[in-house]
Amino acid sequence: GSLSLSCAASGRSLSAMGWYRQAPGKQRELVATVTRGGV
């Protein structure tokens, strides 16, 4: 199946945003990130 996650930030103008995840018993890991420049 499919799901969509959204995130909105306030307070500062960020240089990068993205998502990390943490499964039970595991360390937090990168999922995806994007920079202001589109990388």
PDB file of all heavy atoms in Angstrom:
ATOM      1  N   GLY A   1       0.805  -1.213   0.000  1.00  0.00           N
ATOM      2  CA  GLY A   1       0.000   0.000   0.000  1.00  0.00           C
ATOM      3  C   GLY A   1       0.838   1.262   0.000  1.00  0.00           C
ATOM      4  O   GLY A   1       2.075   1.223  -0.072  1.00  0.00           O
ATOM      5  N   SER A   2       0.136   2.397   0.099  1.00  0.00           N
ATOM      6  CA  SER A   2       0.784   3.706   0.048  1.00  0.00           C
ATOM      7  C   SER A   2       0.330   4.584   1.208  1.00  0.00           C
ATOM      8  O   SER A   2      -0.796   4.443   1.693  1.00  0.00           O
ATOM      9  CB  SER A   2       0.454   4.419  -1.270  1.00  0.00           C
ATOM     10  OG  SER A   2       0.926   3.689  -2.384  1.00  0.00           O
ATOM     11  N   LEU A   3       1.202   5.479   1.608  1.00  0.00           N
ATOM     12  CA  LEU A   3       0.897   6.490   2.615  1.00  0.00           C
ATOM     13  C   LEU A   3       1.663   7.752   2.276  1.00  0.00           C
ATOM     14  O   LEU A   3       2.712   7.698   1.625  1.00  0.00           O
ATOM     15  CB  LEU A   3       1.317   6.039   4.013  1.00  0.00           C
ATOM     16  CG  LEU A   3       0.411   5.105   4.812  1.00  0.00           C
ATOM     17  CD1 LEU A   3       1.071   4.730   6.119  1.00  0.00           C
ATOM     18  CD2 LEU A   3      -0.946   5.742   5.063  1.00  0.00           C
ATOM     19  N   SER A   4       1.153   8.876   2.756  1.00  0.00           N
ATOM     20  CA  SER A   4       1.828  10.152   2.558  1.00  0.00           C
ATOM     21  C   SER A   4       2.013  10.837   3.901  1.00  0.00           C
ATOM     22  O   SER A   4       1.087  10.880   4.710  1.00  0.00           O
ATOM     23  CB  SER A   4       1.007  11.036   1.623  1.00  0.00           C
ATOM     24  OG  SER A   4       1.622  12.286   1.429  1.00  0.00           O
ATOM     25  N   LEU A   5       3.207  11.347   4.135  1.00  0.00           N
ATOM     26  CA  LEU A   5       3.519  12.103   5.341  1.00  0.00           C
ATOM     27  C   LEU A   5       3.814  13.549   4.945  1.00  0.00           C
ATOM     28  O   LEU A   5       4.507  13.797   3.963  1.00  0.00           O
ATOM     29  CB  LEU A   5       4.742  11.520   6.046  1.00  0.00           C
ATOM     30  CG  LEU A   5       4.701  10.047   6.430  1.00  0.00           C
ATOM     31  CD1 LEU A   5       6.013   9.649   7.114  1.00  0.00           C
ATOM     32  CD2 LEU A   5       3.527   9.755   7.332  1.00  0.00           C
ATOM     33  N   SER A   6       3.292  14.480   5.727  1.00  0.00           N
ATOM     34  CA  SER A   6       3.543  15.898   5.489  1.00  0.00           C
ATOM     35  C   SER A   6       4.178  16.519   6.716  1.00  0.00           C
ATOM     36  O   SER A   6       3.942  16.084   7.844  1.00  0.00           O
ATOM     37  CB  SER A   6       2.243  16.628   5.172  1.00  0.00           C
ATOM     38  OG  SER A   6       1.653  16.127   3.999  1.00  0.00           O
ATOM     39  N   CYS A   7       4.983  17.549   6.476  1.00  0.00           N
ATOM     40  CA  CYS A   7       5.634  18.257   7.577  1.00  0.00           C
ATOM     41  C   CYS A   7       5.680  19.737   7.246  1.00  0.00           C
ATOM     42  O   CYS A   7       6.047  20.131   6.127  1.00  0.00           O
ATOM     43  CB  CYS A   7       7.036  17.728   7.801  1.00  0.00           C
ATOM     44  SG  CYS A   7       7.939  18.532   9.138  1.00  0.00           S
ATOM     45  N   ALA A   8       5.327  20.551   8.228  1.00  0.00           N
ATOM     46  CA  ALA A   8       5.417  21.998   8.090  1.00  0.00           C
ATOM     47  C   ALA A   8       6.235  22.546   9.243  1.00  0.00           C
ATOM     48  O   ALA A   8       6.041  22.142  10.392  1.00  0.00           O
ATOM     49  CB  ALA A   8       4.034  22.621   8.089  1.00  0.00           C
ATOM     50  N   ALA A   9       7.167  23.430   8.928  1.00  0.00           N
ATOM     51  CA  ALA A   9       8.039  24.009   9.947  1.00  0.00           C
ATOM     52  C   ALA A   9       7.730  25.480  10.128  1.00  0.00           C
ATOM     53  O   ALA A   9       7.284  26.160   9.206  1.00  0.00           O
ATOM     54  CB  ALA A   9       9.501  23.840   9.542  1.00  0.00           C
ATOM     55  N   SER A  10       7.970  25.962  11.321  1.00  0.00           N
ATOM     56  CA  SER A  10       7.793  27.380  11.612  1.00  0.00           C
ATOM     57  C   SER A  10       8.931  27.845  12.507  1.00  0.00           C
ATOM     58  O   SER A  10       9.550  27.056  13.210  1.00  0.00           O
ATOM     59  CB  SER A  10       6.461  27.638  12.301  1.00  0.00           C
ATOM     60  OG  SER A  10       6.396  26.943  13.534  1.00  0.00           O
ATOM     61  N   GLY A  11       9.200  29.136  12.451  1.00  0.00           N
ATOM     62  CA  GLY A  11      10.188  29.715  13.346  1.00  0.00           C
ATOM     63  C   GLY A  11      11.455  30.181  12.670  1.00  0.00           C
ATOM     64  O   GLY A  11      12.026  31.200  13.053  1.00  0.00           O
ATOM     65  N   ARG A  12      11.935  29.450  11.692  1.00  0.00           N
ATOM     66  CA  ARG A  12      13.161  29.810  10.992  1.00  0.00           C
ATOM     67  C   ARG A  12      13.040  29.392   9.539  1.00  0.00           C
ATOM     68  O   ARG A  12      12.235  28.521   9.196  1.00  0.00           O
ATOM     69  CB  ARG A  12      14.388  29.096  11.595  1.00  0.00           C
ATOM     70  CG  ARG A  12      14.656  29.383  13.057  1.00  0.00           C
ATOM     71  CD  ARG A  12      15.254  30.743  13.251  1.00  0.00           C
ATOM     72  NE  ARG A  12      15.669  30.959  14.656  1.00  0.00           N
ATOM     73  CZ  ARG A  12      16.160  32.088  15.109  1.00  0.00           C
ATOM     74  NH1 ARG A  12      16.293  33.119  14.300  1.00  0.00           N
ATOM     75  NH2 ARG A  12      16.530  32.194  16.377  1.00  0.00           N
ATOM     76  N   SER A  13      13.860  29.954   8.688  1.00  0.00           N
ATOM     77  CA  SER A  13      13.923  29.550   7.297  1.00  0.00           C
ATOM     78  C   SER A  13      15.010  28.477   7.179  1.00  0.00           C
ATOM     79  O   SER A  13      16.197  28.765   7.358  1.00  0.00           O
ATOM     80  CB  SER A  13      14.257  30.747   6.402  1.00  0.00           C
ATOM     81  OG  SER A  13      14.268  30.360   5.049  1.00  0.00           O
ATOM     82  N   LEU A  14      14.590  27.266   6.883  1.00  0.00           N
ATOM     83  CA  LEU A  14      15.492  26.124   6.937  1.00  0.00           C
ATOM     84  C   LEU A  14      16.325  25.968   5.666  1.00  0.00           C
ATOM     85  O   LEU A  14      15.918  26.403   4.583  1.00  0.00           O
ATOM     86  CB  LEU A  14      14.688  24.853   7.187  1.00  0.00           C
ATOM     87  CG  LEU A  14      13.863  24.853   8.480  1.00  0.00           C
ATOM     88  CD1 LEU A  14      12.999  23.613   8.556  1.00  0.00           C
ATOM     89  CD2 LEU A  14      14.766  24.968   9.694  1.00  0.00           C
ATOM     90  N   SER A  15      17.455  25.287   5.808  1.00  0.00           N
ATOM     91  CA  SER A  15      18.313  25.001   4.657  1.00  0.00           C
ATOM     92  C   SER A  15      18.078  23.599   4.113  1.00  0.00           C
ATOM     93  O   SER A  15      18.442  23.320   2.964  1.00  0.00           O
ATOM     94  CB  SER A  15      19.778  25.164   5.040  1.00  0.00           C
ATOM     95  OG  SER A  15      20.119  24.253   6.086  1.00  0.00           O
ATOM     96  N   ALA A  16      17.509  22.734   4.905  1.00  0.00           N
ATOM     97  CA  ALA A  16      17.198  21.373   4.464  1.00  0.00           C
ATOM     98  C   ALA A  16      16.081  20.811   5.322  1.00  0.00           C
ATOM     99  O   ALA A  16      15.930  21.207   6.487  1.00  0.00           O
ATOM    100  CB  ALA A  16      18.428  20.472   4.555  1.00  0.00           C
ATOM    101  N   MET A  17      15.313  19.907   4.742  1.00  0.00           N
ATOM    102  CA  MET A  17      14.257  19.197   5.461  1.00  0.00           C
ATOM    103  C   MET A  17      14.248  17.751   4.999  1.00  0.00           C
ATOM    104  O   MET A  17      14.843  17.400   3.975  1.00  0.00           O
ATOM    105  CB  MET A  17      12.894  19.838   5.208  1.00  0.00           C
ATOM    106  CG  MET A  17      12.747  21.232   5.754  1.00  0.00           C
ATOM    107  SD  MET A  17      11.076  21.911   5.512  1.00  0.00           S
ATOM    108  CE  MET A  17      10.148  20.938   6.710  1.00  0.00           C
ATOM    109  N   GLY A  18      13.569  16.924   5.755  1.00  0.00           N
ATOM    110  CA  GLY A  18      13.477  15.540   5.321  1.00  0.00           C
ATOM    111  C   GLY A  18      12.841  14.666   6.374  1.00  0.00           C
ATOM    112  O   GLY A  18      12.147  15.158   7.275  1.00  0.00           O
ATOM    113  N   TRP A  19      13.117  13.358   6.229  1.00  0.00           N
ATOM    114  CA  TRP A  19      12.508  12.371   7.107  1.00  0.00           C
ATOM    115  C   TRP A  19      13.556  11.336   7.538  1.00  0.00           C
ATOM    116  O   TRP A  19      14.370  10.894   6.711  1.00  0.00           O
ATOM    117  CB  TRP A  19      11.373  11.652   6.382  1.00  0.00           C
ATOM    118  CG  TRP A  19      10.248  12.570   6.046  1.00  0.00           C
ATOM    119  CD1 TRP A  19      10.096  13.303   4.908  1.00  0.00           C
ATOM    120  CD2 TRP A  19       9.125  12.867   6.871  1.00  0.00           C
ATOM    121  NE1 TRP A  19       8.946  14.038   4.969  1.00  0.00           N
ATOM    122  CE2 TRP A  19       8.322  13.790   6.166  1.00  0.00           C
ATOM    123  CE3 TRP A  19       8.699  12.440   8.128  1.00  0.00           C
ATOM    124  CZ2 TRP A  19       7.129  14.295   6.687  1.00  0.00           C
ATOM    125  CZ3 TRP A  19       7.517  12.939   8.627  1.00  0.00           C
ATOM    126  CH2 TRP A  19       6.747  13.857   7.921  1.00  0.00           C
ATOM    127  N   TYR A  20      13.481  10.980   8.806  1.00  0.00           N
ATOM    128  CA  TYR A  20      14.222   9.872   9.369  1.00  0.00           C
ATOM    129  C   TYR A  20      13.197   8.925   9.986  1.00  0.00           C
ATOM    130  O   TYR A  20      12.037   9.307  10.195  1.00  0.00           O
ATOM    131  CB  TYR A  20      15.206  10.355  10.445  1.00  0.00           C
ATOM    132  CG  TYR A  20      16.473  10.961   9.896  1.00  0.00           C
ATOM    133  CD1 TYR A  20      16.436  12.177   9.209  1.00  0.00           C
ATOM    134  CD2 TYR A  20      17.707  10.337  10.052  1.00  0.00           C
ATOM    135  CE1 TYR A  20      17.600  12.738   8.694  1.00  0.00           C
ATOM    136  CE2 TYR A  20      18.882  10.897   9.553  1.00  0.00           C
ATOM    137  CZ  TYR A  20      18.811  12.099   8.877  1.00  0.00           C
ATOM    138  OH  TYR A  20      19.966  12.657   8.380  1.00  0.00           O
ATOM    139  N   ARG A  21      13.612   7.715  10.291  1.00  0.00           N
ATOM    140  CA  ARG A  21      12.719   6.761  10.946  1.00  0.00           C
ATOM    141  C   ARG A  21      13.480   5.935  11.968  1.00  0.00           C
ATOM    142  O   ARG A  21      14.692   5.760  11.870  1.00  0.00           O
ATOM    143  CB  ARG A  21      12.028   5.858   9.924  1.00  0.00           C
ATOM    144  CG  ARG A  21      12.972   4.888   9.204  1.00  0.00           C
ATOM    145  CD  ARG A  21      12.232   4.159   8.104  1.00  0.00           C
ATOM    146  NE  ARG A  21      13.093   3.200   7.398  1.00  0.00           N
ATOM    147  CZ  ARG A  21      12.736   2.531   6.308  1.00  0.00           C
ATOM    148  NH1 ARG A  21      11.509   2.703   5.790  1.00  0.00           N
ATOM    149  NH2 ARG A  21      13.575   1.673   5.734  1.00  0.00           N
ATOM    150  N   GLN A  22      12.719   5.417  12.930  1.00  0.00           N
ATOM    151  CA  GLN A  22      13.307   4.583  13.967  1.00  0.00           C
ATOM    152  C   GLN A  22      12.367   3.427  14.262  1.00  0.00           C
ATOM    153  O   GLN A  22      11.233   3.642  14.714  1.00  0.00           O
ATOM    154  CB  GLN A  22      13.594   5.383  15.239  1.00  0.00           C
ATOM    155  CG  GLN A  22      14.367   4.608  16.283  1.00  0.00           C
ATOM    156  CD  GLN A  22      14.892   5.491  17.390  1.00  0.00           C
ATOM    157  OE1 GLN A  22      14.459   6.625  17.574  1.00  0.00           O
ATOM    158  NE2 GLN A  22      15.871   5.001  18.128  1.00  0.00           N
ATOM    159  N   ALA A  23      12.844   2.227  14.002  1.00  0.00           N
ATOM    160  CA  ALA A  23      12.086   1.010  14.308  1.00  0.00           C
ATOM    161  C   ALA A  23      12.444   0.548  15.717  1.00  0.00           C
ATOM    162  O   ALA A  23      13.512   0.886  16.235  1.00  0.00           O
ATOM    163  CB  ALA A  23      12.414  -0.073  13.281  1.00  0.00           C
ATOM    164  N   PRO A  24      11.582  -0.230  16.334  1.00  0.00           N
ATOM    165  CA  PRO A  24      11.864  -0.710  17.699  1.00  0.00           C
ATOM    166  C   PRO A  24      13.198  -1.446  17.764  1.00  0.00           C
ATOM    167  O   PRO A  24      13.480  -2.320  16.942  1.00  0.00           O
ATOM    168  CB  PRO A  24      10.698  -1.656  17.980  1.00  0.00           C
ATOM    169  CG  PRO A  24       9.597  -1.154  17.115  1.00  0.00           C
ATOM    170  CD  PRO A  24      10.260  -0.657  15.861  1.00  0.00           C
ATOM    171  N   GLY A  25      14.017  -1.055  18.727  1.00  0.00           N
ATOM    172  CA  GLY A  25      15.301  -1.713  18.928  1.00  0.00           C
ATOM    173  C   GLY A  25      16.385  -1.327  17.955  1.00  0.00           C
ATOM    174  O   GLY A  25      17.480  -1.884  17.988  1.00  0.00           O
ATOM    175  N   LYS A  26      16.099  -0.344  17.086  1.00  0.00           N
ATOM    176  CA  LYS A  26      17.084   0.080  16.089  1.00  0.00           C
ATOM    177  C   LYS A  26      17.384   1.555  16.233  1.00  0.00           C
ATOM    178  O   LYS A  26      16.632   2.304  16.852  1.00  0.00           O
ATOM    179  CB  LYS A  26      16.580  -0.216  14.687  1.00  0.00           C
ATOM    180  CG  LYS A  26      16.416  -1.698  14.381  1.00  0.00           C
ATOM    181  CD  LYS A  26      16.072  -1.919  12.927  1.00  0.00           C
ATOM    182  CE  LYS A  26      15.979  -3.404  12.600  1.00  0.00           C
ATOM    183  NZ  LYS A  26      15.663  -3.632  11.154  1.00  0.00           N
ATOM    184  N   GLN A  27      18.488   1.972  15.622  1.00  0.00           N
ATOM    185  CA  GLN A  27      18.850   3.381  15.644  1.00  0.00           C
ATOM    186  C   GLN A  27      18.033   4.160  14.621  1.00  0.00           C
ATOM    187  O   GLN A  27      17.533   3.598  13.641  1.00  0.00           O
ATOM    188  CB  GLN A  27      20.341   3.533  15.340  1.00  0.00           C
ATOM    189  CG  GLN A  27      21.255   3.023  16.435  1.00  0.00           C
ATOM    190  CD  GLN A  27      22.707   3.354  16.179  1.00  0.00           C
ATOM    191  OE1 GLN A  27      23.137   3.499  15.033  1.00  0.00           O
ATOM    192  NE2 GLN A  27      23.483   3.493  17.231  1.00  0.00           N
ATOM    193  N   ARG A  28      17.918   5.445  14.859  1.00  0.00           N
ATOM    194  CA  ARG A  28      17.246   6.309  13.900  1.00  0.00           C
ATOM    195  C   ARG A  28      18.071   6.342  12.609  1.00  0.00           C
ATOM    196  O   ARG A  28      19.291   6.449  12.645  1.00  0.00           O
ATOM    197  CB  ARG A  28      17.093   7.715  14.464  1.00  0.00           C
ATOM    198  CG  ARG A  28      16.201   8.627  13.644  1.00  0.00           C
ATOM    199  CD  ARG A  28      15.955   9.942  14.355  1.00  0.00           C
ATOM    200  NE  ARG A  28      15.246   9.753  15.616  1.00  0.00           N
ATOM    201  CZ  ARG A  28      14.751  10.762  16.337  1.00  0.00           C
ATOM    202  NH1 ARG A  28      14.898  12.008  15.921  1.00  0.00           N
ATOM    203  NH2 ARG A  28      14.126  10.519  17.466  1.00  0.00           N
ATOM    204  N   GLU A  29      17.389   6.249  11.463  1.00  0.00           N
ATOM    205  CA  GLU A  29      18.089   6.194  10.189  1.00  0.00           C
ATOM    206  C   GLU A  29      17.467   7.150   9.177  1.00  0.00           C
ATOM    207  O   GLU A  29      16.279   7.457   9.237  1.00  0.00           O
ATOM    208  CB  GLU A  29      18.067   4.774   9.611  1.00  0.00           C
ATOM    209  CG  GLU A  29      16.680   4.255   9.280  1.00  0.00           C
ATOM    210  CD  GLU A  29      16.696   2.884   8.630  1.00  0.00           C
ATOM    211  OE1 GLU A  29      17.757   2.254   8.549  1.00  0.00           O
ATOM    212  OE2 GLU A  29      15.615   2.431   8.188  1.00  0.00           O
ATOM    213  N   LEU A  30      18.298   7.571   8.244  1.00  0.00           N
ATOM    214  CA  LEU A  30      17.850   8.450   7.170  1.00  0.00           C
ATOM    215  C   LEU A  30      16.825   7.741   6.288  1.00  0.00           C
ATOM    216  O   LEU A  30      16.969   6.560   5.973  1.00  0.00           O
ATOM    217  CB  LEU A  30      19.053   8.856   6.322  1.00  0.00           C
ATOM    218  CG  LEU A  30      18.759   9.498   4.972  1.00  0.00           C
ATOM    219  CD1 LEU A  30      18.324  10.925   5.163  1.00  0.00           C
ATOM    220  CD2 LEU A  30      19.966   9.410   4.058  1.00  0.00           C
ATOM    221  N   VAL A  31      15.794   8.486   5.888  1.00  0.00           N
ATOM    222  CA  VAL A  31      14.874   8.018   4.853  1.00  0.00           C
ATOM    223  C   VAL A  31      15.098   8.835   3.587  1.00  0.00           C
ATOM    224  O   VAL A  31      15.434   8.297   2.538  1.00  0.00           O
ATOM    225  CB  VAL A  31      13.407   8.131   5.318  1.00  0.00           C
ATOM    226  CG1 VAL A  31      12.465   7.700   4.186  1.00  0.00           C
ATOM    227  CG2 VAL A  31      13.165   7.292   6.569  1.00  0.00           C
ATOM    228  N   ALA A  32      14.906  10.145   3.704  1.00  0.00           N
ATOM    229  CA  ALA A  32      15.100  11.027   2.556  1.00  0.00           C
ATOM    230  C   ALA A  32      15.242  12.459   3.034  1.00  0.00           C
ATOM    231  O   ALA A  32      14.600  12.848   4.017  1.00  0.00           O
ATOM    232  CB  ALA A  32      13.926  10.926   1.579  1.00  0.00           C
ATOM    233  N   THR A  33      16.072  13.218   2.346  1.00  0.00           N
ATOM    234  CA  THR A  33      16.227  14.638   2.655  1.00  0.00           C
ATOM    235  C   THR A  33      16.273  15.446   1.366  1.00  0.00           C
ATOM    236  O   THR A  33      16.592  14.915   0.293  1.00  0.00           O
ATOM    237  CB  THR A  33      17.517  14.918   3.449  1.00  0.00           C
ATOM    238  OG1 THR A  33      18.643  14.472   2.681  1.00  0.00           O
ATOM    239  CG2 THR A  33      17.508  14.224   4.802  1.00  0.00           C
ATOM    240  N   VAL A  34      15.951  16.714   1.483  1.00  0.00           N
ATOM    241  CA  VAL A  34      16.025  17.638   0.352  1.00  0.00           C
ATOM    242  C   VAL A  34      16.536  18.969   0.862  1.00  0.00           C
ATOM    243  O   VAL A  34      16.152  19.418   1.951  1.00  0.00           O
ATOM    244  CB  VAL A  34      14.645  17.792  -0.345  1.00  0.00           C
ATOM    245  CG1 VAL A  34      13.571  18.251   0.611  1.00  0.00           C
ATOM    246  CG2 VAL A  34      14.746  18.716  -1.551  1.00  0.00           C
ATOM    247  N   THR A  35      17.423  19.580   0.093  1.00  0.00           N
ATOM    248  CA  THR A  35      17.970  20.874   0.486  1.00  0.00           C
ATOM    249  C   THR A  35      17.197  22.010  -0.163  1.00  0.00           C
ATOM    250  O   THR A  35      16.407  21.798  -1.093  1.00  0.00           O
ATOM    251  CB  THR A  35      19.440  20.991   0.080  1.00  0.00           C
ATOM    252  OG1 THR A  35      19.529  21.081  -1.353  1.00  0.00           O
ATOM    253  CG2 THR A  35      20.249  19.802   0.573  1.00  0.00           C
ATOM    254  N   ARG A  36      17.455  23.207   0.290  1.00  0.00           N
ATOM    255  CA  ARG A  36      16.822  24.383  -0.303  1.00  0.00           C
ATOM    256  C   ARG A  36      17.163  24.473  -1.786  1.00  0.00           C
ATOM    257  O   ARG A  36      16.349  24.938  -2.587  1.00  0.00           O
ATOM    258  CB  ARG A  36      17.273  25.635   0.446  1.00  0.00           C
ATOM    259  CG  ARG A  36      16.711  26.939  -0.086  1.00  0.00           C
ATOM    260  CD  ARG A  36      17.296  28.102   0.680  1.00  0.00           C
ATOM    261  NE  ARG A  36      16.727  28.194   2.009  1.00  0.00           N
ATOM    262  CZ  ARG A  36      15.686  28.963   2.312  1.00  0.00           C
ATOM    263  NH1 ARG A  36      15.108  29.687   1.385  1.00  0.00           N
ATOM    264  NH2 ARG A  36      15.235  29.018   3.545  1.00  0.00           N
ATOM    265  N   GLY A  37      18.368  24.001  -2.137  1.00  0.00           N
ATOM    266  CA  GLY A  37      18.792  24.035  -3.537  1.00  0.00           C
ATOM    267  C   GLY A  37      18.239  22.897  -4.370  1.00  0.00           C
ATOM    268  O   GLY A  37      18.512  22.810  -5.576  1.00  0.00           O
ATOM    269  N   GLY A  38      17.484  22.002  -3.755  1.00  0.00           N
ATOM    270  CA  GLY A  38      16.838  20.927  -4.508  1.00  0.00           C
ATOM    271  C   GLY A  38      17.617  19.630  -4.567  1.00  0.00           C
ATOM    272  O   GLY A  38      17.234  18.710  -5.301  1.00  0.00           O
ATOM    273  N   VAL A  39      18.692  19.517  -3.797  1.00  0.00           N
ATOM    274  CA  VAL A  39      19.460  18.267  -3.792  1.00  0.00           C
ATOM    275  C   VAL A  39      18.736  17.255  -2.911  1.00  0.00           C
ATOM    276  O   VAL A  39      18.441  17.526  -1.747  1.00  0.00           O
ATOM    277  CB  VAL A  39      20.885  18.499  -3.275  1.00  0.00           C
ATOM    278  CG1 VAL A  39      21.640  17.173  -3.203  1.00  0.00           C
ATOM    279  CG2 VAL A  39      21.625  19.475  -4.175  1.00  0.00           C
TER     280      VAL A  39
END
